[in-house]
Amino acid sequence: MRPDLVIDPAAPIADGICFDDLHGLPGGAVAALAARGLVWLTSFRADGRCYFGAVIAATEAQAAQIADARGLGEVIDGQLMETVT
């Protein structure tokens, strides 16, 4: 994590990079992706806080590549298997 990282106070955006691939998706779409095992939960620390996001990918390895490419220091915490409405 870079010390100059700017986090948007109202959206999952850090330095102009959205760190939650589910942001803005309707609940039904999120549920369908989760049921297919395509949602990976992420986290990173900035400004003494922990931020959580998600990556849509077929495998954990692909999710880690996407998270790494964002350059925010995200780690893969696990897989979202289902949602509750």
PDB file of N, CA and C in Angstrom:
ATOM      1  N   MET A   1       0.840  -1.168   0.000  1.00  0.00           N
ATOM      2  CA  MET A   1       0.000   0.000   0.000  1.00  0.00           C
ATOM      3  C   MET A   1       0.886   1.233   0.000  1.00  0.00           C
ATOM      4  N   ARG A   2       0.557   2.153  -0.875  1.00  0.00           N
ATOM      5  CA  ARG A   2       1.304   3.405  -0.940  1.00  0.00           C
ATOM      6  C   ARG A   2       0.784   4.359   0.138  1.00  0.00           C
ATOM      7  N   PRO A   3       1.654   5.153   0.720  1.00  0.00           N
ATOM      8  CA  PRO A   3       1.201   6.071   1.772  1.00  0.00           C
ATOM      9  C   PRO A   3       0.312   7.200   1.245  1.00  0.00           C
ATOM     10  N   ASP A   4       0.353   7.487  -0.036  1.00  0.00           N
ATOM     11  CA  ASP A   4      -0.419   8.595  -0.600  1.00  0.00           C
ATOM     12  C   ASP A   4      -1.722   8.141  -1.249  1.00  0.00           C
ATOM     13  N   LEU A   5      -2.176   6.954  -0.933  1.00  0.00           N
ATOM     14  CA  LEU A   5      -3.386   6.397  -1.513  1.00  0.00           C
ATOM     15  C   LEU A   5      -4.600   7.241  -1.116  1.00  0.00           C
ATOM     16  N   VAL A   6      -5.410   7.637  -2.108  1.00  0.00           N
ATOM     17  CA  VAL A   6      -6.599   8.452  -1.858  1.00  0.00           C
ATOM     18  C   VAL A   6      -7.837   7.568  -2.015  1.00  0.00           C
ATOM     19  N   ILE A   7      -8.607   7.450  -0.930  1.00  0.00           N
ATOM     20  CA  ILE A   7      -9.805   6.617  -0.919  1.00  0.00           C
ATOM     21  C   ILE A   7     -11.026   7.522  -1.056  1.00  0.00           C
ATOM     22  N   ASP A   8     -11.914   7.194  -1.988  1.00  0.00           N
ATOM     23  CA  ASP A   8     -13.165   7.927  -2.149  1.00  0.00           C
ATOM     24  C   ASP A   8     -14.044   7.650  -0.927  1.00  0.00           C
ATOM     25  N   PRO A   9     -14.600   8.678  -0.295  1.00  0.00           N
ATOM     26  CA  PRO A   9     -15.405   8.445   0.915  1.00  0.00           C
ATOM     27  C   PRO A   9     -16.790   7.850   0.638  1.00  0.00           C
ATOM     28  N   ALA A  10     -17.242   7.863  -0.614  1.00  0.00           N
ATOM     29  CA  ALA A  10     -18.599   7.423  -0.906  1.00  0.00           C
ATOM     30  C   ALA A  10     -18.696   6.224  -1.847  1.00  0.00           C
ATOM     31  N   ALA A  11     -17.586   5.748  -2.344  1.00  0.00           N
ATOM     32  CA  ALA A  11     -17.599   4.644  -3.305  1.00  0.00           C
ATOM     33  C   ALA A  11     -16.346   3.793  -3.113  1.00  0.00           C
ATOM     34  N   PRO A  12     -16.374   2.524  -3.542  1.00  0.00           N
ATOM     35  CA  PRO A  12     -15.201   1.655  -3.398  1.00  0.00           C
ATOM     36  C   PRO A  12     -14.152   1.963  -4.467  1.00  0.00           C
ATOM     37  N   ILE A  13     -13.566   3.153  -4.335  1.00  0.00           N
ATOM     38  CA  ILE A  13     -12.590   3.624  -5.319  1.00  0.00           C
ATOM     39  C   ILE A  13     -11.369   4.154  -4.585  1.00  0.00           C
ATOM     40  N   ALA A  14     -10.200   3.697  -4.990  1.00  0.00           N
ATOM     41  CA  ALA A  14      -8.929   4.157  -4.436  1.00  0.00           C
ATOM     42  C   ALA A  14      -8.043   4.602  -5.586  1.00  0.00           C
ATOM     43  N   ASP A  15      -7.620   5.843  -5.540  1.00  0.00           N
ATOM     44  CA  ASP A  15      -6.798   6.408  -6.623  1.00  0.00           C
ATOM     45  C   ASP A  15      -7.435   6.204  -7.998  1.00  0.00           C
ATOM     46  N   GLY A  16      -8.755   6.325  -8.053  1.00  0.00           N
ATOM     47  CA  GLY A  16      -9.463   6.183  -9.319  1.00  0.00           C
ATOM     48  C   GLY A  16      -9.698   4.752  -9.758  1.00  0.00           C
ATOM     49  N   ILE A  17      -9.328   3.782  -8.934  1.00  0.00           N
ATOM     50  CA  ILE A  17      -9.475   2.365  -9.266  1.00  0.00           C
ATOM     51  C   ILE A  17     -10.592   1.767  -8.425  1.00  0.00           C
ATOM     52  N   CYS A  18     -11.607   1.214  -9.066  1.00  0.00           N
ATOM     53  CA  CYS A  18     -12.683   0.548  -8.345  1.00  0.00           C
ATOM     54  C   CYS A  18     -12.163  -0.789  -7.816  1.00  0.00           C
ATOM     55  N   PHE A  19     -12.244  -0.982  -6.497  1.00  0.00           N
ATOM     56  CA  PHE A  19     -11.749  -2.234  -5.914  1.00  0.00           C
ATOM     57  C   PHE A  19     -12.874  -3.200  -5.553  1.00  0.00           C
ATOM     58  N   ASP A  20     -14.087  -2.929  -6.062  1.00  0.00           N
ATOM     59  CA  ASP A  20     -15.206  -3.842  -5.849  1.00  0.00           C
ATOM     60  C   ASP A  20     -15.926  -4.057  -7.176  1.00  0.00           C
ATOM     61  N   ASP A  21     -15.646  -5.185  -7.819  1.00  0.00           N
ATOM     62  CA  ASP A  21     -16.248  -5.489  -9.118  1.00  0.00           C
ATOM     63  C   ASP A  21     -17.773  -5.619  -9.037  1.00  0.00           C
ATOM     64  N   LEU A  22     -18.317  -5.770  -7.840  1.00  0.00           N
ATOM     65  CA  LEU A  22     -19.753  -5.920  -7.677  1.00  0.00           C
ATOM     66  C   LEU A  22     -20.467  -4.577  -7.529  1.00  0.00           C
ATOM     67  N   HIS A  23     -19.711  -3.521  -7.384  1.00  0.00           N
ATOM     68  CA  HIS A  23     -20.288  -2.187  -7.168  1.00  0.00           C
ATOM     69  C   HIS A  23     -21.238  -1.814  -8.306  1.00  0.00           C
ATOM     70  N   GLY A  24     -22.487  -1.517  -7.945  1.00  0.00           N
ATOM     71  CA  GLY A  24     -23.468  -1.103  -8.928  1.00  0.00           C
ATOM     72  C   GLY A  24     -24.245  -2.225  -9.583  1.00  0.00           C
ATOM     73  N   LEU A  25     -23.861  -3.472  -9.343  1.00  0.00           N
ATOM     74  CA  LEU A  25     -24.595  -4.595  -9.937  1.00  0.00           C
ATOM     75  C   LEU A  25     -25.879  -4.858  -9.153  1.00  0.00           C
ATOM     76  N   PRO A  26     -26.941  -5.234  -9.838  1.00  0.00           N
ATOM     77  CA  PRO A  26     -28.170  -5.600  -9.117  1.00  0.00           C
ATOM     78  C   PRO A  26     -27.955  -6.865  -8.291  1.00  0.00           C
ATOM     79  N   GLY A  27     -28.732  -6.986  -7.208  1.00  0.00           N
ATOM     80  CA  GLY A  27     -28.592  -8.129  -6.310  1.00  0.00           C
ATOM     81  C   GLY A  27     -28.714  -9.469  -6.997  1.00  0.00           C
ATOM     82  N   GLY A  28     -29.613  -9.571  -7.968  1.00  0.00           N
ATOM     83  CA  GLY A  28     -29.771 -10.829  -8.686  1.00  0.00           C
ATOM     84  C   GLY A  28     -28.525 -11.230  -9.452  1.00  0.00           C
ATOM     85  N   ALA A  29     -27.842 -10.255 -10.009  1.00  0.00           N
ATOM     86  CA  ALA A  29     -26.607 -10.541 -10.747  1.00  0.00           C
ATOM     87  C   ALA A  29     -25.513 -11.004  -9.791  1.00  0.00           C
ATOM     88  N   VAL A  30     -25.423 -10.347  -8.647  1.00  0.00           N
ATOM     89  CA  VAL A  30     -24.423 -10.734  -7.640  1.00  0.00           C
ATOM     90  C   VAL A  30     -24.706 -12.158  -7.165  1.00  0.00           C
ATOM     91  N   ALA A  31     -25.967 -12.471  -6.892  1.00  0.00           N
ATOM     92  CA  ALA A  31     -26.339 -13.820  -6.439  1.00  0.00           C
ATOM     93  C   ALA A  31     -25.988 -14.868  -7.487  1.00  0.00           C
ATOM     94  N   ALA A  32     -26.243 -14.558  -8.756  1.00  0.00           N
ATOM     95  CA  ALA A  32     -25.940 -15.514  -9.829  1.00  0.00           C
ATOM     96  C   ALA A  32     -24.443 -15.750  -9.953  1.00  0.00           C
ATOM     97  N   LEU A  33     -23.658 -14.687  -9.869  1.00  0.00           N
ATOM     98  CA  LEU A  33     -22.201 -14.829  -9.946  1.00  0.00           C
ATOM     99  C   LEU A  33     -21.674 -15.629  -8.759  1.00  0.00           C
ATOM    100  N   ALA A  34     -22.184 -15.336  -7.566  1.00  0.00           N
ATOM    101  CA  ALA A  34     -21.740 -16.054  -6.367  1.00  0.00           C
ATOM    102  C   ALA A  34     -22.098 -17.531  -6.452  1.00  0.00           C
ATOM    103  N   ALA A  35     -23.302 -17.836  -6.918  1.00  0.00           N
ATOM    104  CA  ALA A  35     -23.734 -19.235  -7.029  1.00  0.00           C
ATOM    105  C   ALA A  35     -22.852 -20.031  -7.976  1.00  0.00           C
ATOM    106  N   ARG A  36     -22.251 -19.355  -8.924  1.00  0.00           N
ATOM    107  CA  ARG A  36     -21.359 -20.016  -9.883  1.00  0.00           C
ATOM    108  C   ARG A  36     -19.903 -20.031  -9.412  1.00  0.00           C
ATOM    109  N   GLY A  37     -19.650 -19.502  -8.219  1.00  0.00           N
ATOM    110  CA  GLY A  37     -18.303 -19.519  -7.662  1.00  0.00           C
ATOM    111  C   GLY A  37     -17.355 -18.538  -8.316  1.00  0.00           C
ATOM    112  N   LEU A  38     -17.891 -17.434  -8.827  1.00  0.00           N
ATOM    113  CA  LEU A  38     -17.073 -16.478  -9.572  1.00  0.00           C
ATOM    114  C   LEU A  38     -16.705 -15.219  -8.793  1.00  0.00           C
ATOM    115  N   VAL A  39     -17.091 -15.142  -7.516  1.00  0.00           N
ATOM    116  CA  VAL A  39     -16.831 -13.928  -6.735  1.00  0.00           C
ATOM    117  C   VAL A  39     -15.803 -14.224  -5.646  1.00  0.00           C
ATOM    118  N   TRP A  40     -14.735 -13.432  -5.642  1.00  0.00           N
ATOM    119  CA  TRP A  40     -13.653 -13.562  -4.672  1.00  0.00           C
ATOM    120  C   TRP A  40     -13.579 -12.285  -3.854  1.00  0.00           C
ATOM    121  N   LEU A  41     -13.572 -12.430  -2.524  1.00  0.00           N
ATOM    122  CA  LEU A  41     -13.559 -11.289  -1.625  1.00  0.00           C
ATOM    123  C   LEU A  41     -12.122 -10.865  -1.354  1.00  0.00           C
ATOM    124  N   THR A  42     -11.913  -9.547  -1.298  1.00  0.00           N
ATOM    125  CA  THR A  42     -10.576  -9.000  -1.116  1.00  0.00           C
ATOM    126  C   THR A  42     -10.563  -8.005   0.034  1.00  0.00           C
ATOM    127  N   SER A  43      -9.359  -7.680   0.479  1.00  0.00           N
ATOM    128  CA  SER A  43      -9.184  -6.620   1.470  1.00  0.00           C
ATOM    129  C   SER A  43      -7.804  -5.996   1.293  1.00  0.00           C
ATOM    130  N   PHE A  44      -7.701  -4.760   1.772  1.00  0.00           N
ATOM    131  CA  PHE A  44      -6.407  -4.089   1.841  1.00  0.00           C
ATOM    132  C   PHE A  44      -6.487  -3.034   2.933  1.00  0.00           C
ATOM    133  N   ARG A  45      -5.322  -2.585   3.404  1.00  0.00           N
ATOM    134  CA  ARG A  45      -5.262  -1.580   4.456  1.00  0.00           C
ATOM    135  C   ARG A  45      -4.747  -0.266   3.883  1.00  0.00           C
ATOM    136  N   ALA A  46      -5.368   0.812   4.356  1.00  0.00           N
ATOM    137  CA  ALA A  46      -4.930   2.160   3.988  1.00  0.00           C
ATOM    138  C   ALA A  46      -5.374   3.106   5.093  1.00  0.00           C
ATOM    139  N   ASP A  47      -4.544   4.040   5.404  1.00  0.00           N
ATOM    140  CA  ASP A  47      -4.866   5.043   6.431  1.00  0.00           C
ATOM    141  C   ASP A  47      -5.308   4.415   7.754  1.00  0.00           C
ATOM    142  N   GLY A  48      -4.711   3.291   8.115  1.00  0.00           N
ATOM    143  CA  GLY A  48      -5.042   2.629   9.366  1.00  0.00           C
ATOM    144  C   GLY A  48      -6.390   1.926   9.372  1.00  0.00           C
ATOM    145  N   ARG A  49      -7.021   1.804   8.220  1.00  0.00           N
ATOM    146  CA  ARG A  49      -8.316   1.150   8.106  1.00  0.00           C
ATOM    147  C   ARG A  49      -8.224  -0.033   7.152  1.00  0.00           C
ATOM    148  N   CYS A  50      -9.186  -0.949   7.295  1.00  0.00           N
ATOM    149  CA  CYS A  50      -9.261  -2.083   6.383  1.00  0.00           C
ATOM    150  C   CYS A  50     -10.426  -1.856   5.433  1.00  0.00           C
ATOM    151  N   TYR A  51     -10.169  -2.014   4.139  1.00  0.00           N
ATOM    152  CA  TYR A  51     -11.189  -1.855   3.106  1.00  0.00           C
ATOM    153  C   TYR A  51     -11.433  -3.204   2.454  1.00  0.00           C
ATOM    154  N   PHE A  52     -12.699  -3.448   2.115  1.00  0.00           N
ATOM    155  CA  PHE A  52     -13.084  -4.738   1.539  1.00  0.00           C
ATOM    156  C   PHE A  52     -13.653  -4.535   0.141  1.00  0.00           C
ATOM    157  N   GLY A  53     -13.368  -5.480  -0.747  1.00  0.00           N
ATOM    158  CA  GLY A  53     -13.867  -5.407  -2.109  1.00  0.00           C
ATOM    159  C   GLY A  53     -14.128  -6.791  -2.650  1.00  0.00           C
ATOM    160  N   ALA A  54     -14.245  -6.867  -3.961  1.00  0.00           N
ATOM    161  CA  ALA A  54     -14.512  -8.149  -4.608  1.00  0.00           C
ATOM    162  C   ALA A  54     -13.933  -8.148  -6.021  1.00  0.00           C
ATOM    163  N   VAL A  55     -13.603  -9.347  -6.466  1.00  0.00           N
ATOM    164  CA  VAL A  55     -13.107  -9.569  -7.818  1.00  0.00           C
ATOM    165  C   VAL A  55     -13.985 -10.646  -8.439  1.00  0.00           C
ATOM    166  N   ILE A  56     -14.357 -10.459  -9.693  1.00  0.00           N
ATOM    167  CA  ILE A  56     -15.078 -11.492 -10.429  1.00  0.00           C
ATOM    168  C   ILE A  56     -14.048 -12.230 -11.285  1.00  0.00           C
ATOM    169  N   ALA A  57     -13.867 -13.519 -11.003  1.00  0.00           N
ATOM    170  CA  ALA A  57     -12.880 -14.319 -11.728  1.00  0.00           C
ATOM    171  C   ALA A  57     -13.242 -15.801 -11.604  1.00  0.00           C
ATOM    172  N   ALA A  58     -12.760 -16.585 -12.538  1.00  0.00           N
ATOM    173  CA  ALA A  58     -13.065 -18.015 -12.554  1.00  0.00           C
ATOM    174  C   ALA A  58     -12.296 -18.800 -11.501  1.00  0.00           C
ATOM    175  N   THR A  59     -11.079 -18.361 -11.183  1.00  0.00           N
ATOM    176  CA  THR A  59     -10.253 -19.088 -10.221  1.00  0.00           C
ATOM    177  C   THR A  59      -9.632 -18.115  -9.233  1.00  0.00           C
ATOM    178  N   GLU A  60      -9.183 -18.648  -8.119  1.00  0.00           N
ATOM    179  CA  GLU A  60      -8.502 -17.819  -7.124  1.00  0.00           C
ATOM    180  C   GLU A  60      -7.228 -17.214  -7.703  1.00  0.00           C
ATOM    181  N   ALA A  61      -6.528 -17.986  -8.519  1.00  0.00           N
ATOM    182  CA  ALA A  61      -5.297 -17.481  -9.134  1.00  0.00           C
ATOM    183  C   ALA A  61      -5.592 -16.291 -10.050  1.00  0.00           C
ATOM    184  N   GLN A  62      -6.666 -16.384 -10.838  1.00  0.00           N
ATOM    185  CA  GLN A  62      -7.042 -15.265 -11.700  1.00  0.00           C
ATOM    186  C   GLN A  62      -7.462 -14.060 -10.863  1.00  0.00           C
ATOM    187  N   ALA A  63      -8.187 -14.308  -9.773  1.00  0.00           N
ATOM    188  CA  ALA A  63      -8.603 -13.221  -8.891  1.00  0.00           C
ATOM    189  C   ALA A  63      -7.386 -12.520  -8.295  1.00  0.00           C
ATOM    190  N   ALA A  64      -6.391 -13.288  -7.897  1.00  0.00           N
ATOM    191  CA  ALA A  64      -5.170 -12.705  -7.332  1.00  0.00           C
ATOM    192  C   ALA A  64      -4.437 -11.863  -8.367  1.00  0.00           C
ATOM    193  N   GLN A  65      -4.414 -12.308  -9.610  1.00  0.00           N
ATOM    194  CA  GLN A  65      -3.783 -11.518 -10.680  1.00  0.00           C
ATOM    195  C   GLN A  65      -4.498 -10.186 -10.871  1.00  0.00           C
ATOM    196  N   ILE A  66      -5.822 -10.215 -10.855  1.00  0.00           N
ATOM    197  CA  ILE A  66      -6.595  -8.981 -11.014  1.00  0.00           C
ATOM    198  C   ILE A  66      -6.346  -8.054  -9.843  1.00  0.00           C
ATOM    199  N   ALA A  67      -6.404  -8.606  -8.631  1.00  0.00           N
ATOM    200  CA  ALA A  67      -6.160  -7.790  -7.439  1.00  0.00           C
ATOM    201  C   ALA A  67      -4.756  -7.195  -7.472  1.00  0.00           C
ATOM    202  N   ASP A  68      -3.763  -7.969  -7.825  1.00  0.00           N
ATOM    203  CA  ASP A  68      -2.383  -7.470  -7.909  1.00  0.00           C
ATOM    204  C   ASP A  68      -2.264  -6.355  -8.932  1.00  0.00           C
ATOM    205  N   ALA A  69      -2.955  -6.505 -10.060  1.00  0.00           N
ATOM    206  CA  ALA A  69      -2.875  -5.507 -11.124  1.00  0.00           C
ATOM    207  C   ALA A  69      -3.465  -4.163 -10.698  1.00  0.00           C
ATOM    208  N   ARG A  70      -4.373  -4.167  -9.761  1.00  0.00           N
ATOM    209  CA  ARG A  70      -4.937  -2.904  -9.271  1.00  0.00           C
ATOM    210  C   ARG A  70      -3.906  -2.072  -8.525  1.00  0.00           C
ATOM    211  N   GLY A  71      -2.905  -2.735  -7.960  1.00  0.00           N
ATOM    212  CA  GLY A  71      -1.822  -2.022  -7.297  1.00  0.00           C
ATOM    213  C   GLY A  71      -2.186  -1.415  -5.953  1.00  0.00           C
ATOM    214  N   LEU A  72      -3.196  -1.957  -5.294  1.00  0.00           N
ATOM    215  CA  LEU A  72      -3.639  -1.410  -4.008  1.00  0.00           C
ATOM    216  C   LEU A  72      -3.170  -2.238  -2.812  1.00  0.00           C
ATOM    217  N   GLY A  73      -2.503  -3.344  -3.088  1.00  0.00           N
ATOM    218  CA  GLY A  73      -2.073  -4.233  -2.008  1.00  0.00           C
ATOM    219  C   GLY A  73      -3.168  -5.174  -1.533  1.00  0.00           C
ATOM    220  N   GLU A  74      -4.163  -5.413  -2.391  1.00  0.00           N
ATOM    221  CA  GLU A  74      -5.268  -6.298  -2.027  1.00  0.00           C
ATOM    222  C   GLU A  74      -4.796  -7.742  -1.873  1.00  0.00           C
ATOM    223  N   VAL A  75      -5.450  -8.447  -0.965  1.00  0.00           N
ATOM    224  CA  VAL A  75      -5.250  -9.885  -0.831  1.00  0.00           C
ATOM    225  C   VAL A  75      -6.604 -10.565  -1.010  1.00  0.00           C
ATOM    226  N   ILE A  76      -6.581 -11.795  -1.457  1.00  0.00           N
ATOM    227  CA  ILE A  76      -7.799 -12.580  -1.601  1.00  0.00           C
ATOM    228  C   ILE A  76      -8.099 -13.211  -0.242  1.00  0.00           C
ATOM    229  N   ASP A  77      -9.296 -12.927   0.289  1.00  0.00           N
ATOM    230  CA  ASP A  77      -9.683 -13.432   1.599  1.00  0.00           C
ATOM    231  C   ASP A  77     -10.520 -14.699   1.522  1.00  0.00           C
ATOM    232  N   GLY A  78     -11.179 -14.922   0.412  1.00  0.00           N
ATOM    233  CA  GLY A  78     -12.022 -16.102   0.274  1.00  0.00           C
ATOM    234  C   GLY A  78     -13.013 -15.936  -0.851  1.00  0.00           C
ATOM    235  N   GLN A  79     -13.893 -16.899  -0.971  1.00  0.00           N
ATOM    236  CA  GLN A  79     -14.861 -16.939  -2.056  1.00  0.00           C
ATOM    237  C   GLN A  79     -16.261 -16.708  -1.503  1.00  0.00           C
ATOM    238  N   LEU A  80     -17.033 -15.867  -2.188  1.00  0.00           N
ATOM    239  CA  LEU A  80     -18.438 -15.640  -1.832  1.00  0.00           C
ATOM    240  C   LEU A  80     -19.244 -16.737  -2.502  1.00  0.00           C
ATOM    241  N   MET A  81     -19.916 -17.550  -1.690  1.00  0.00           N
ATOM    242  CA  MET A  81     -20.637 -18.707  -2.225  1.00  0.00           C
ATOM    243  C   MET A  81     -22.121 -18.434  -2.443  1.00  0.00           C
ATOM    244  N   GLU A  82     -22.696 -17.543  -1.636  1.00  0.00           N
ATOM    245  CA  GLU A  82     -24.115 -17.206  -1.803  1.00  0.00           C
ATOM    246  C   GLU A  82     -24.384 -15.862  -1.151  1.00  0.00           C
ATOM    247  N   THR A  83     -25.487 -15.262  -1.511  1.00  0.00           N
ATOM    248  CA  THR A  83     -25.914 -14.013  -0.905  1.00  0.00           C
ATOM    249  C   THR A  83     -27.217 -14.246  -0.157  1.00  0.00           C
ATOM    250  N   VAL A  84     -27.515 -13.370   0.779  1.00  0.00           N
ATOM    251  CA  VAL A  84     -28.741 -13.455   1.547  1.00  0.00           C
ATOM    252  C   VAL A  84     -29.558 -12.213   1.262  1.00  0.00           C
ATOM    253  N   THR A  85     -30.826 -12.407   0.949  1.00  0.00           N
ATOM    254  CA  THR A  85     -31.672 -11.245   0.676  1.00  0.00           C
ATOM    255  C   THR A  85     -32.707 -11.057   1.747  1.00  0.00           C
TER     256      THR A  85
END
